[in-house]
Amino acid sequence: MWKESENALERSYEFKDFVAAIAFMVNAAMYIEQLDHHPIWTNVYNKVFVKLQTHDAGDTVTDKDRKLAEVLDQVYEEITKKA
């Protein structure tokens, strides 16, 4: 679930292993480039933490963040269904 806190949307995703976590990041990268809206994200083994905020809007949450959050959730569903 996405959590809005301190002018950002945040979520952690958990996968079966490191390869699945990296597959999520790679697959999401294509959509991220298309949307031209890049997240702050980190990976530790089977977890990916994502933070979204629009820097051009003063580091606040905008529709761009909400759209990217939806896309990331869709990519997560696709990756976890393949597991």
C-alpha atoms as a PDB file:
ATOM      1  CA  MET A   1       0.000   0.000   0.000  1.00  0.00           C
ATOM      2  CA  TRP A   2       1.168   3.505  -0.793  1.00  0.00           C
ATOM      3  CA  LYS A   3       1.558   5.855   2.145  1.00  0.00           C
ATOM      4  CA  GLU A   4       1.561   9.630   1.781  1.00  0.00           C
ATOM      5  CA  SER A   5       3.953  11.200   4.246  1.00  0.00           C
ATOM      6  CA  GLU A   6       6.081  14.356   4.329  1.00  0.00           C
ATOM      7  CA  ASN A   7       5.074  15.459   0.817  1.00  0.00           C
ATOM      8  CA  ALA A   8       5.886  12.094  -0.772  1.00  0.00           C
ATOM      9  CA  LEU A   9       4.275   8.796  -1.692  1.00  0.00           C
ATOM     10  CA  GLU A  10       6.179   5.810  -0.301  1.00  0.00           C
ATOM     11  CA  ARG A  11       5.886   2.072  -0.697  1.00  0.00           C
ATOM     12  CA  SER A  12       7.965  -1.052  -0.215  1.00  0.00           C
ATOM     13  CA  TYR A  13       7.619  -4.026  -2.536  1.00  0.00           C
ATOM     14  CA  GLU A  14       8.711  -7.532  -1.537  1.00  0.00           C
ATOM     15  CA  PHE A  15       9.630 -10.296  -3.981  1.00  0.00           C
ATOM     16  CA  LYS A  16      10.536 -13.980  -3.777  1.00  0.00           C
ATOM     17  CA  ASP A  17      14.218 -13.231  -4.383  1.00  0.00           C
ATOM     18  CA  PHE A  18      16.803 -10.734  -5.617  1.00  0.00           C
ATOM     19  CA  VAL A  19      16.291 -11.623  -9.301  1.00  0.00           C
ATOM     20  CA  ALA A  20      12.563 -10.846  -9.106  1.00  0.00           C
ATOM     21  CA  ALA A  21      13.257  -7.529  -7.369  1.00  0.00           C
ATOM     22  CA  ILE A  22      15.708  -6.517 -10.088  1.00  0.00           C
ATOM     23  CA  ALA A  23      13.294  -7.695 -12.802  1.00  0.00           C
ATOM     24  CA  PHE A  24      10.713  -5.327 -11.312  1.00  0.00           C
ATOM     25  CA  MET A  25      13.147  -2.423 -11.454  1.00  0.00           C
ATOM     26  CA  VAL A  26      14.195  -3.198 -15.033  1.00  0.00           C
ATOM     27  CA  ASN A  27      10.612  -3.589 -16.276  1.00  0.00           C
ATOM     28  CA  ALA A  28       9.502  -0.455 -14.443  1.00  0.00           C
ATOM     29  CA  ALA A  29      12.383   1.537 -15.957  1.00  0.00           C
ATOM     30  CA  MET A  30      10.768   1.485 -19.406  1.00  0.00           C
ATOM     31  CA  TYR A  31       7.562   3.049 -18.078  1.00  0.00           C
ATOM     32  CA  ILE A  32       9.474   5.492 -15.903  1.00  0.00           C
ATOM     33  CA  GLU A  33      11.316   6.777 -18.977  1.00  0.00           C
ATOM     34  CA  GLN A  34       8.062   7.070 -20.947  1.00  0.00           C
ATOM     35  CA  LEU A  35       6.489   9.094 -18.142  1.00  0.00           C
ATOM     36  CA  ASP A  36       9.699  11.116 -17.705  1.00  0.00           C
ATOM     37  CA  HIS A  37       9.191  10.926 -13.951  1.00  0.00           C
ATOM     38  CA  HIS A  38      11.959   9.224 -12.012  1.00  0.00           C
ATOM     39  CA  PRO A  39      11.537   7.790  -8.510  1.00  0.00           C
ATOM     40  CA  ILE A  40      13.876   7.677  -5.588  1.00  0.00           C
ATOM     41  CA  TRP A  41      14.283   3.944  -5.064  1.00  0.00           C
ATOM     42  CA  THR A  42      16.576   1.447  -3.418  1.00  0.00           C
ATOM     43  CA  ASN A  43      16.965  -2.307  -3.505  1.00  0.00           C
ATOM     44  CA  VAL A  44      18.118  -4.614  -0.728  1.00  0.00           C
ATOM     45  CA  TYR A  45      17.991  -8.297  -1.669  1.00  0.00           C
ATOM     46  CA  ASN A  46      14.273  -9.035  -2.276  1.00  0.00           C
ATOM     47  CA  LYS A  47      12.874  -5.625  -1.350  1.00  0.00           C
ATOM     48  CA  VAL A  48      12.489  -2.413  -3.336  1.00  0.00           C
ATOM     49  CA  PHE A  49      11.632   0.840  -1.532  1.00  0.00           C
ATOM     50  CA  VAL A  50      10.109   3.621  -3.662  1.00  0.00           C
ATOM     51  CA  LYS A  51       9.608   7.294  -2.854  1.00  0.00           C
ATOM     52  CA  LEU A  52       7.718   9.555  -5.268  1.00  0.00           C
ATOM     53  CA  GLN A  53       7.497  13.324  -5.284  1.00  0.00           C
ATOM     54  CA  THR A  54       7.564  15.939  -8.018  1.00  0.00           C
ATOM     55  CA  HIS A  55      10.658  18.083  -7.710  1.00  0.00           C
ATOM     56  CA  ASP A  56       9.428  20.617 -10.296  1.00  0.00           C
ATOM     57  CA  ALA A  57       6.373  21.237  -8.099  1.00  0.00           C
ATOM     58  CA  GLY A  58       8.400  21.963  -4.965  1.00  0.00           C
ATOM     59  CA  ASP A  59       8.856  18.367  -3.815  1.00  0.00           C
ATOM     60  CA  THR A  60       5.171  17.654  -3.357  1.00  0.00           C
ATOM     61  CA  VAL A  61       2.852  14.867  -4.485  1.00  0.00           C
ATOM     62  CA  THR A  62       1.202  15.520  -7.851  1.00  0.00           C
ATOM     63  CA  ASP A  63      -0.806  13.571 -10.427  1.00  0.00           C
ATOM     64  CA  LYS A  64       2.514  12.513 -11.993  1.00  0.00           C
ATOM     65  CA  ASP A  65       3.362  10.671  -8.768  1.00  0.00           C
ATOM     66  CA  ARG A  66      -0.028   9.044  -8.513  1.00  0.00           C
ATOM     67  CA  LYS A  67       0.166   7.875 -12.142  1.00  0.00           C
ATOM     68  CA  LEU A  68       3.636   6.413 -11.619  1.00  0.00           C
ATOM     69  CA  ALA A  69       2.444   4.694  -8.427  1.00  0.00           C
ATOM     70  CA  GLU A  70      -0.328   2.992 -10.439  1.00  0.00           C
ATOM     71  CA  VAL A  71       2.142   1.899 -13.096  1.00  0.00           C
ATOM     72  CA  LEU A  72       4.566   0.497 -10.505  1.00  0.00           C
ATOM     73  CA  ASP A  73       1.739  -1.464  -8.891  1.00  0.00           C
ATOM     74  CA  GLN A  74       0.846  -2.946 -12.291  1.00  0.00           C
ATOM     75  CA  VAL A  75       4.461  -3.949 -12.938  1.00  0.00           C
ATOM     76  CA  TYR A  76       4.604  -5.503  -9.454  1.00  0.00           C
ATOM     77  CA  GLU A  77       1.496  -7.568 -10.200  1.00  0.00           C
ATOM     78  CA  GLU A  78       2.992  -8.779 -13.478  1.00  0.00           C
ATOM     79  CA  ILE A  79       6.287  -9.775 -11.852  1.00  0.00           C
ATOM     80  CA  THR A  80       4.696 -11.572  -8.900  1.00  0.00           C
ATOM     81  CA  LYS A  81       2.264 -13.502 -11.146  1.00  0.00           C
ATOM     82  CA  LYS A  82       5.238 -14.982 -12.997  1.00  0.00           C
ATOM     83  CA  ALA A  83       6.730 -16.246  -9.737  1.00  0.00           C
END
